[in-house]
C-alpha atoms as a PDB file:
ATOM      1  CA  UNK A   1     107.562  92.527  88.480  1.00  0.00           C
ATOM      2  CA  UNK A   2     107.054  96.198  89.361  1.00  0.00           C
ATOM      3  CA  UNK A   3     108.892  97.007  92.552  1.00  0.00           C
ATOM      4  CA  UNK A   4     108.310 100.756  92.668  1.00  0.00           C
ATOM      5  CA  UNK A   5     105.255 102.653  91.473  1.00  0.00           C
ATOM      6  CA  UNK A   6     105.140 106.433  91.280  1.00  0.00           C
ATOM      7  CA  UNK A   7     102.020 108.597  91.263  1.00  0.00           C
ATOM      8  CA  UNK A   8     100.983 112.194  91.835  1.00  0.00           C
ATOM      9  CA  UNK A   9     102.343 113.840  88.721  1.00  0.00           C
ATOM     10  CA  UNK A  10     100.296 116.209  86.619  1.00  0.00           C
ATOM     11  CA  UNK A  11     100.070 119.648  85.084  1.00  0.00           C
ATOM     12  CA  UNK A  12     100.203 122.762  87.250  1.00  0.00           C
ATOM     13  CA  UNK A  13     100.883 126.443  86.817  1.00  0.00           C
ATOM     14  CA  UNK A  14     104.081 128.024  88.038  1.00  0.00           C
ATOM     15  CA  UNK A  15     103.946 128.609  91.775  1.00  0.00           C
ATOM     16  CA  UNK A  16     101.759 125.594  92.367  1.00  0.00           C
ATOM     17  CA  UNK A  17     102.431 122.418  94.326  1.00  0.00           C
ATOM     18  CA  UNK A  18     102.378 118.688  93.782  1.00  0.00           C
ATOM     19  CA  UNK A  19     103.135 115.727  95.989  1.00  0.00           C
ATOM     20  CA  UNK A  20     104.638 112.677  94.363  1.00  0.00           C
ATOM     21  CA  UNK A  21     104.285 109.267  95.961  1.00  0.00           C
ATOM     22  CA  UNK A  22     106.233 106.080  95.392  1.00  0.00           C
ATOM     23  CA  UNK A  23     104.972 102.781  96.735  1.00  0.00           C
ATOM     24  CA  UNK A  24     107.167  99.729  96.897  1.00  0.00           C
ATOM     25  CA  UNK A  25     107.648  96.373  98.476  1.00  0.00           C
ATOM     26  CA  UNK A  26     108.808  96.031 102.058  1.00  0.00           C
ATOM     27  CA  UNK A  27     112.020  94.469 100.765  1.00  0.00           C
ATOM     28  CA  UNK A  28     112.699  97.401  98.467  1.00  0.00           C
ATOM     29  CA  UNK A  29     112.109  99.903 101.234  1.00  0.00           C
ATOM     30  CA  UNK A  30     114.706  98.209 103.413  1.00  0.00           C
ATOM     31  CA  UNK A  31     117.210  99.959 101.184  1.00  0.00           C
ATOM     32  CA  UNK A  32     119.571 102.336 102.969  1.00  0.00           C
ATOM     33  CA  UNK A  33     119.124 104.957 100.271  1.00  0.00           C
ATOM     34  CA  UNK A  34     115.943 106.136  98.604  1.00  0.00           C
ATOM     35  CA  UNK A  35     115.726 108.891  96.067  1.00  0.00           C
ATOM     36  CA  UNK A  36     113.894 110.931  93.482  1.00  0.00           C
ATOM     37  CA  UNK A  37     115.387 111.668  90.076  1.00  0.00           C
ATOM     38  CA  UNK A  38     114.118 113.496  87.031  1.00  0.00           C
ATOM     39  CA  UNK A  39     114.816 113.511  83.340  1.00  0.00           C
ATOM     40  CA  UNK A  40     113.967 115.771  80.437  1.00  0.00           C
ATOM     41  CA  UNK A  41     114.119 114.310  76.906  1.00  0.00           C
ATOM     42  CA  UNK A  42     117.577 114.797  75.445  1.00  0.00           C
ATOM     43  CA  UNK A  43     119.188 115.421  78.798  1.00  0.00           C
ATOM     44  CA  UNK A  44     120.795 113.213  81.429  1.00  0.00           C
ATOM     45  CA  UNK A  45     118.813 112.033  84.394  1.00  0.00           C
ATOM     46  CA  UNK A  46     119.622 114.058  87.505  1.00  0.00           C
ATOM     47  CA  UNK A  47     119.238 113.473  91.224  1.00  0.00           C
ATOM     48  CA  UNK A  48     116.602 115.689  92.800  1.00  0.00           C
ATOM     49  CA  UNK A  49     116.553 114.472  96.397  1.00  0.00           C
ATOM     50  CA  UNK A  50     117.796 111.467  98.329  1.00  0.00           C
ATOM     51  CA  UNK A  51     117.248 110.113 101.803  1.00  0.00           C
ATOM     52  CA  UNK A  52     119.705 107.992 103.799  1.00  0.00           C
ATOM     53  CA  UNK A  53     117.753 105.736 106.098  1.00  0.00           C
ATOM     54  CA  UNK A  54     120.706 104.629 108.226  1.00  0.00           C
ATOM     55  CA  UNK A  55     121.408 108.052 109.673  1.00  0.00           C
ATOM     56  CA  UNK A  56     118.428 110.025 110.910  1.00  0.00           C
ATOM     57  CA  UNK A  57     117.078 110.116 107.382  1.00  0.00           C
ATOM     58  CA  UNK A  58     119.813 112.524 106.253  1.00  0.00           C
ATOM     59  CA  UNK A  59     118.957 114.115 102.937  1.00  0.00           C
ATOM     60  CA  UNK A  60     120.446 115.537  99.774  1.00  0.00           C
ATOM     61  CA  UNK A  61     118.775 118.139  97.577  1.00  0.00           C
ATOM     62  CA  UNK A  62     119.856 119.460  94.220  1.00  0.00           C
ATOM     63  CA  UNK A  63     120.636 123.171  94.435  1.00  0.00           C
ATOM     64  CA  UNK A  64     117.830 123.913  92.005  1.00  0.00           C
ATOM     65  CA  UNK A  65     115.168 122.532  94.376  1.00  0.00           C
ATOM     66  CA  UNK A  66     116.528 123.433  97.835  1.00  0.00           C
ATOM     67  CA  UNK A  67     113.931 125.202  99.931  1.00  0.00           C
ATOM     68  CA  UNK A  68     111.105 124.162  97.596  1.00  0.00           C
ATOM     69  CA  UNK A  69     111.102 120.348  97.607  1.00  0.00           C
ATOM     70  CA  UNK A  70     110.977 117.969 100.571  1.00  0.00           C
ATOM     71  CA  UNK A  71     111.660 114.248 100.518  1.00  0.00           C
ATOM     72  CA  UNK A  72     110.140 112.040 103.202  1.00  0.00           C
ATOM     73  CA  UNK A  73     109.010 108.501 103.803  1.00  0.00           C
ATOM     74  CA  UNK A  74     106.304 106.594 105.625  1.00  0.00           C
ATOM     75  CA  UNK A  75     107.898 103.350 106.766  1.00  0.00           C
ATOM     76  CA  UNK A  76     104.595 101.764 107.744  1.00  0.00           C
ATOM     77  CA  UNK A  77     103.213 102.309 104.239  1.00  0.00           C
ATOM     78  CA  UNK A  78     106.446 101.557 102.329  1.00  0.00           C
ATOM     79  CA  UNK A  79     105.972 104.901 100.619  1.00  0.00           C
ATOM     80  CA  UNK A  80     108.399 107.618  99.591  1.00  0.00           C
ATOM     81  CA  UNK A  81     107.164 111.161  98.998  1.00  0.00           C
ATOM     82  CA  UNK A  82     108.382 114.267  97.246  1.00  0.00           C
ATOM     83  CA  UNK A  83     106.536 117.425  98.212  1.00  0.00           C
ATOM     84  CA  UNK A  84     107.137 120.028  95.531  1.00  0.00           C
ATOM     85  CA  UNK A  85     106.213 123.651  96.231  1.00  0.00           C
ATOM     86  CA  UNK A  86     106.726 126.875  94.295  1.00  0.00           C
ATOM     87  CA  UNK A  87     107.054 124.886  91.098  1.00  0.00           C
ATOM     88  CA  UNK A  88     108.812 126.446  88.127  1.00  0.00           C
ATOM     89  CA  UNK A  89     108.588 125.645  84.406  1.00  0.00           C
ATOM     90  CA  UNK A  90     112.140 124.271  84.602  1.00  0.00           C
ATOM     91  CA  UNK A  91     110.869 121.586  86.993  1.00  0.00           C
ATOM     92  CA  UNK A  92     109.021 120.012  84.078  1.00  0.00           C
ATOM     93  CA  UNK A  93     110.319 116.458  83.692  1.00  0.00           C
ATOM     94  CA  UNK A  94     109.598 112.792  84.178  1.00  0.00           C
ATOM     95  CA  UNK A  95     110.170 111.988  87.834  1.00  0.00           C
ATOM     96  CA  UNK A  96     111.412 108.605  88.991  1.00  0.00           C
ATOM     97  CA  UNK A  97     111.851 107.103  92.429  1.00  0.00           C
ATOM     98  CA  UNK A  98     114.617 104.660  93.118  1.00  0.00           C
ATOM     99  CA  UNK A  99     116.191 102.516  95.800  1.00  0.00           C
ATOM    100  CA  UNK A 100     119.918 102.195  96.275  1.00  0.00           C
ATOM    101  CA  UNK A 101     121.769  98.920  96.502  1.00  0.00           C
ATOM    102  CA  UNK A 102     124.611  99.883  98.874  1.00  0.00           C
ATOM    103  CA  UNK A 103     124.934 101.514 102.261  1.00  0.00           C
ATOM    104  CA  UNK A 104     127.343 104.173 101.076  1.00  0.00           C
ATOM    105  CA  UNK A 105     126.573 107.572 102.602  1.00  0.00           C
ATOM    106  CA  UNK A 106     128.867 109.191 100.078  1.00  0.00           C
ATOM    107  CA  UNK A 107     127.036 107.660  97.117  1.00  0.00           C
ATOM    108  CA  UNK A 108     123.653 108.532  98.591  1.00  0.00           C
ATOM    109  CA  UNK A 109     123.953 111.957 100.226  1.00  0.00           C
ATOM    110  CA  UNK A 110     127.356 113.523  99.578  1.00  0.00           C
ATOM    111  CA  UNK A 111     127.278 112.980  95.839  1.00  0.00           C
ATOM    112  CA  UNK A 112     124.352 110.829  94.718  1.00  0.00           C
ATOM    113  CA  UNK A 113     125.730 108.258  92.327  1.00  0.00           C
ATOM    114  CA  UNK A 114     123.196 106.723  89.984  1.00  0.00           C
ATOM    115  CA  UNK A 115     125.247 103.542  89.771  1.00  0.00           C
ATOM    116  CA  UNK A 116     124.148 102.975  93.379  1.00  0.00           C
ATOM    117  CA  UNK A 117     120.495 102.905  92.359  1.00  0.00           C
ATOM    118  CA  UNK A 118     119.404  99.596  90.897  1.00  0.00           C
ATOM    119  CA  UNK A 119     115.634  99.568  91.436  1.00  0.00           C
ATOM    120  CA  UNK A 120     113.552 102.080  89.496  1.00  0.00           C
ATOM    121  CA  UNK A 121     109.917 102.963  89.011  1.00  0.00           C
ATOM    122  CA  UNK A 122     108.339 103.742  85.646  1.00  0.00           C
ATOM    123  CA  UNK A 123     108.054 107.451  86.316  1.00  0.00           C
ATOM    124  CA  UNK A 124     105.374 110.100  86.643  1.00  0.00           C
ATOM    125  CA  UNK A 125     105.241 113.204  84.452  1.00  0.00           C
ATOM    126  CA  UNK A 126     105.286 116.676  85.967  1.00  0.00           C
ATOM    127  CA  UNK A 127     104.497 119.620  83.708  1.00  0.00           C
ATOM    128  CA  UNK A 128     104.678 123.212  84.961  1.00  0.00           C
ATOM    129  CA  UNK A 129     103.335 125.982  82.775  1.00  0.00           C
ATOM    130  CA  UNK A 130     104.255 129.637  83.049  1.00  0.00           C
END
């Protein structure tokens, strides 16, 4: 049973924009922590942005995407977004959305801990050409 479904990936030139979407069940989106991760073949998956729903939707951003990416959610649509602007070739990766299983602020925002994230989508590919 698919609980999260990403869309919006594609191929763009450097400097372009994409908006990723992640649709899930109402139960999944009751999670206190929602996030976007990415992975390049041969490298570890990394946290890109997270959102803590218990506290004013506090957010975390990886240093490499600060000022360019924005995470947000639409509660009515059970949808998580990642707006990506000023894309760079190094942003090329498979992007996954995920929902956390605990209410830990530390594991969600301070230092996103992937062990906290138990529900994953199948991913959407983003390719940025120079």
